[in-house]
């Protein structure tokens, strides 16, 4: 669709930034340029230090990447909130495509066989109607041309939200919450787990633990946001 047609549609039915609610111009998608500029990229040094802090000791997650720094009450939180609670599915695909665009060189080094979104419990799926991580994974898959597998791991135990918990409490809360539904699909495969935000890494580590038990070759993790 060329810019003239988009501009006509925007005149009839304006599109607005999901963060600041300002009108988008013809070149902008989902989030305006001003808000995009305000979201901090997660640099290599931060990624490395967070890997050592959250993943190195357990030796379950072989490597991880995040695109942005997740800051409370800032643009990325508003964007992900709209994705999770306002049924704005395209935001997930938008974020996944951005992850692919900026993180592709690093992810390619891992030789990923398939992308697996962190699953929601069936109760949460009924409440929300969808898994936001799936749409991020779908956008990433579209960019990288790596398939998404949504049926290999399931969440078998309903857990309270991790938001206000310490790292130790998060680990205890999420323990034994996942099970492998289709071991044949992951045996010998290199898996990339995708979530919306990684904070302590407890959730992806627990997923990775189950994947390795079912003979996945290696497990990596990636997220749109990284909460320090």
Protein backbone atom coordinates (compact mmCIF):
# COMPACT_ATOMS: atom_id res chain seq x y z
CA UNK A 1 0.00 0.00 0.00
CA UNK A 2 1.60 3.30 -1.11
CA UNK A 3 1.87 6.40 1.05
CA UNK A 4 -0.90 8.24 -0.82
CA UNK A 5 -3.47 5.51 -0.09
CA UNK A 6 -2.31 5.34 3.54
CA UNK A 7 -2.66 9.11 3.87
CA UNK A 8 -6.23 8.90 2.52
CA UNK A 9 -7.09 6.17 5.03
CA UNK A 10 -5.44 8.18 7.81
CA UNK A 11 -7.59 11.19 6.91
CA UNK A 12 -10.79 9.11 7.05
CA UNK A 13 -9.80 6.91 9.99
CA UNK A 14 -6.74 8.29 11.78
CA UNK A 15 -4.27 5.89 13.42
CA UNK A 16 -2.83 6.77 16.82
CA UNK A 17 0.38 5.83 18.63
CA UNK A 18 -0.38 3.18 21.27
CA UNK A 19 1.90 4.97 23.73
CA UNK A 20 1.33 8.74 23.48
CA UNK A 21 -1.98 8.60 21.52
CA UNK A 22 -0.74 11.15 18.97
CA UNK A 23 -1.75 10.69 15.32
CA UNK A 24 0.68 8.58 13.28
CA UNK A 25 2.02 9.81 9.97
CA UNK A 26 2.06 7.68 6.82
CA UNK A 27 5.54 6.30 7.55
CA UNK A 28 4.80 5.25 11.14
CA UNK A 29 3.34 1.95 12.32
CA UNK A 30 1.84 1.24 15.75
CA UNK A 31 4.26 3.55 17.63
CA UNK A 32 5.29 7.08 16.66
CA UNK A 33 8.91 8.00 16.00
CA UNK A 34 9.14 10.18 19.12
CA UNK A 35 8.09 7.33 21.41
CA UNK A 36 10.39 4.87 19.63
CA UNK A 37 13.34 7.21 20.19
CA UNK A 38 12.51 7.47 23.89
CA UNK A 39 12.66 3.70 24.45
CA UNK A 40 16.16 2.71 25.52
CA UNK A 41 17.90 -0.10 23.66
CA UNK A 42 19.40 -2.86 25.79
CA UNK A 43 23.14 -2.64 25.09
CA UNK A 44 25.62 -5.49 24.90
CA UNK A 45 27.16 -4.79 28.32
CA UNK A 46 23.76 -4.88 30.02
CA UNK A 47 22.81 -8.10 28.22
CA UNK A 48 26.07 -9.73 29.25
CA UNK A 49 25.76 -8.69 32.89
CA UNK A 50 22.13 -9.81 33.07
CA UNK A 51 23.06 -13.16 31.54
CA UNK A 52 25.69 -13.71 34.24
CA UNK A 53 23.29 -12.58 36.97
CA UNK A 54 20.24 -14.56 35.87
CA UNK A 55 21.32 -17.50 33.72
CA UNK A 56 24.98 -18.43 33.93
CA UNK A 57 24.84 -20.38 37.21
CA UNK A 58 21.97 -22.70 36.16
CA UNK A 59 23.49 -23.47 32.73
CA UNK A 60 20.03 -23.97 31.27
CA UNK A 61 19.69 -20.92 29.02
CA UNK A 62 22.72 -20.88 26.72
CA UNK A 63 22.30 -17.24 25.75
CA UNK A 64 19.71 -14.49 25.64
CA UNK A 65 18.90 -11.20 23.97
CA UNK A 66 16.44 -8.40 24.67
CA UNK A 67 15.73 -5.47 22.40
CA UNK A 68 14.66 -2.72 24.83
CA UNK A 69 14.98 -1.76 28.48
CA UNK A 70 11.61 -2.03 30.21
CA UNK A 71 11.04 1.02 32.43
CA UNK A 72 8.07 1.47 34.74
CA UNK A 73 5.45 4.00 33.55
CA UNK A 74 7.37 4.66 30.34
CA UNK A 75 6.66 4.05 26.67
CA UNK A 76 7.50 0.35 26.45
CA UNK A 77 5.32 -0.50 29.45
CA UNK A 78 2.39 1.30 27.82
CA UNK A 79 2.99 -0.52 24.53
CA UNK A 80 3.18 -3.97 26.13
CA UNK A 81 0.17 -3.19 28.33
CA UNK A 82 -1.84 -2.44 25.17
CA UNK A 83 -0.64 -5.72 23.66
CA UNK A 84 -1.54 -7.79 26.72
CA UNK A 85 -4.81 -6.25 27.80
CA UNK A 86 -6.31 -4.30 24.88
CA UNK A 87 -6.27 -7.03 22.22
CA UNK A 88 -3.80 -5.10 20.08
CA UNK A 89 -2.29 -8.20 18.48
CA UNK A 90 -0.41 -6.27 15.80
CA UNK A 91 1.76 -4.70 18.51
CA UNK A 92 3.23 -8.15 19.18
CA UNK A 93 4.03 -8.70 15.53
CA UNK A 94 5.47 -5.17 15.34
CA UNK A 95 7.76 -5.85 18.33
CA UNK A 96 8.75 -9.25 16.98
CA UNK A 97 9.72 -7.72 13.64
CA UNK A 98 11.81 -5.09 15.42
CA UNK A 99 13.53 -7.83 17.42
CA UNK A 100 14.33 -9.61 14.17
CA UNK A 101 15.61 -6.45 12.53
CA UNK A 102 17.97 -5.47 15.34
CA UNK A 103 18.86 -8.83 16.89
CA UNK A 104 19.13 -11.02 13.80
CA UNK A 105 22.96 -11.08 13.60
CA UNK A 106 23.21 -12.38 17.18
CA UNK A 107 20.31 -14.82 16.96
CA UNK A 108 21.65 -16.29 13.70
CA UNK A 109 24.80 -17.36 15.55
CA UNK A 110 22.68 -19.71 17.67
CA UNK A 111 21.45 -21.77 14.67
CA UNK A 112 17.88 -21.87 15.99
CA UNK A 113 15.62 -24.67 14.73
CA UNK A 114 12.33 -23.33 16.09
CA UNK A 115 10.85 -20.50 18.13
CA UNK A 116 8.68 -21.33 21.15
CA UNK A 117 6.60 -18.63 22.89
CA UNK A 118 6.38 -18.93 26.67
CA UNK A 119 2.89 -20.42 27.22
CA UNK A 120 0.04 -19.09 29.33
CA UNK A 121 -2.05 -21.27 31.64
CA UNK A 122 -5.44 -22.20 30.16
CA UNK A 123 -7.24 -20.07 32.75
CA UNK A 124 -5.20 -17.01 31.76
CA UNK A 125 -5.83 -17.83 28.10
CA UNK A 126 -9.56 -17.88 28.76
CA UNK A 127 -9.37 -14.56 30.59
CA UNK A 128 -7.22 -12.82 27.99
CA UNK A 129 -8.19 -14.76 24.88
CA UNK A 130 -4.66 -14.99 23.48
CA UNK A 131 -0.98 -15.29 24.38
CA UNK A 132 0.89 -12.03 23.77
CA UNK A 133 4.22 -13.87 23.49
CA UNK A 134 2.88 -15.85 20.54
CA UNK A 135 2.38 -12.69 18.51
CA UNK A 136 5.90 -11.48 19.34
CA UNK A 137 7.23 -14.89 18.30
CA UNK A 138 5.17 -14.70 15.11
CA UNK A 139 6.69 -11.33 14.18
CA UNK A 140 10.18 -12.63 14.92
CA UNK A 141 9.46 -15.78 12.91
CA UNK A 142 8.28 -13.73 9.94
CA UNK A 143 11.54 -11.78 9.90
CA UNK A 144 13.91 -14.71 10.54
CA UNK A 145 12.00 -17.36 8.54
CA UNK A 146 12.23 -19.75 11.50
CA UNK A 147 9.05 -21.70 12.40
CA UNK A 148 7.05 -21.08 15.57
CA UNK A 149 6.00 -24.14 17.61
CA UNK A 150 3.12 -23.46 20.00
CA UNK A 151 2.23 -26.99 21.09
CA UNK A 152 5.52 -28.33 22.47
CA UNK A 153 5.26 -26.94 26.01
CA UNK A 154 2.26 -26.13 28.17
CA UNK A 155 1.67 -24.40 31.48
CA UNK A 156 0.14 -26.98 33.82
CA UNK A 157 -0.02 -24.98 37.04
CA UNK A 158 -1.73 -21.62 37.51
CA UNK A 159 0.66 -19.16 39.18
CA UNK A 160 0.24 -15.74 40.69
CA UNK A 161 1.65 -12.79 38.81
CA UNK A 162 5.43 -12.47 39.11
CA UNK A 163 5.41 -8.66 39.11
CA UNK A 164 5.82 -7.95 42.85
CA UNK A 165 7.91 -11.01 43.72
CA UNK A 166 11.63 -11.22 44.49
CA UNK A 167 13.88 -13.42 42.37
CA UNK A 168 13.73 -16.25 44.92
CA UNK A 169 9.95 -15.94 45.19
CA UNK A 170 9.64 -15.96 41.39
CA UNK A 171 11.66 -19.16 41.16
CA UNK A 172 9.50 -20.84 43.79
CA UNK A 173 6.28 -19.53 42.23
CA UNK A 174 7.10 -20.86 38.77
CA UNK A 175 8.62 -24.20 39.83
CA UNK A 176 7.01 -27.24 38.14
CA UNK A 177 4.61 -24.96 36.27
CA UNK A 178 5.45 -26.35 32.80
CA UNK A 179 5.37 -29.69 31.04
CA UNK A 180 6.40 -30.86 27.59
CA UNK A 181 3.43 -31.77 25.41
CA UNK A 182 5.30 -32.98 22.34
CA UNK A 183 8.84 -34.26 23.06
CA UNK A 184 9.37 -35.45 19.49
CA UNK A 185 9.16 -31.91 18.16
CA UNK A 186 12.07 -30.71 20.29
CA UNK A 187 14.39 -33.70 20.62
CA UNK A 188 17.79 -32.69 19.25
CA UNK A 189 16.55 -29.20 18.38
CA UNK A 190 17.95 -25.78 19.26
CA UNK A 191 15.06 -23.82 20.77
CA UNK A 192 14.54 -20.07 21.10
CA UNK A 193 12.10 -19.20 23.91
CA UNK A 194 10.34 -15.85 23.41
CA UNK A 195 8.62 -13.75 26.09
CA UNK A 196 7.40 -10.17 26.24
CA UNK A 197 9.60 -9.07 29.18
CA UNK A 198 12.42 -10.84 31.02
CA UNK A 199 13.07 -9.67 34.58
CA UNK A 200 14.88 -12.34 36.63
CA UNK A 201 14.71 -15.01 33.94
CA UNK A 202 12.85 -17.40 36.27
CA UNK A 203 10.09 -18.20 33.79
CA UNK A 204 12.26 -18.90 30.75
CA UNK A 205 14.71 -20.86 32.92
CA UNK A 206 11.90 -23.14 34.15
CA UNK A 207 10.69 -23.60 30.56
CA UNK A 208 14.24 -24.31 29.46
CA UNK A 209 14.68 -26.89 32.20
CA UNK A 210 11.73 -28.90 30.90
CA UNK A 211 12.87 -28.58 27.29
CA UNK A 212 16.33 -29.92 28.14
CA UNK A 213 14.79 -32.81 30.10
CA UNK A 214 13.04 -33.75 26.87
CA UNK A 215 16.37 -33.76 25.04
CA UNK A 216 16.34 -30.36 23.37
CA UNK A 217 19.90 -29.76 22.19
CA UNK A 218 20.15 -26.18 23.50
CA UNK A 219 17.78 -23.49 24.72
CA UNK A 220 18.14 -19.75 24.17
CA UNK A 221 15.84 -16.89 25.17
CA UNK A 222 14.80 -13.53 23.71
CA UNK A 223 12.35 -10.84 24.76
CA UNK A 224 11.08 -7.48 23.62
CA UNK A 225 11.93 -5.93 26.99
CA UNK A 226 14.44 -6.41 29.76
CA UNK A 227 13.53 -5.17 33.23
CA UNK A 228 16.61 -4.32 35.29
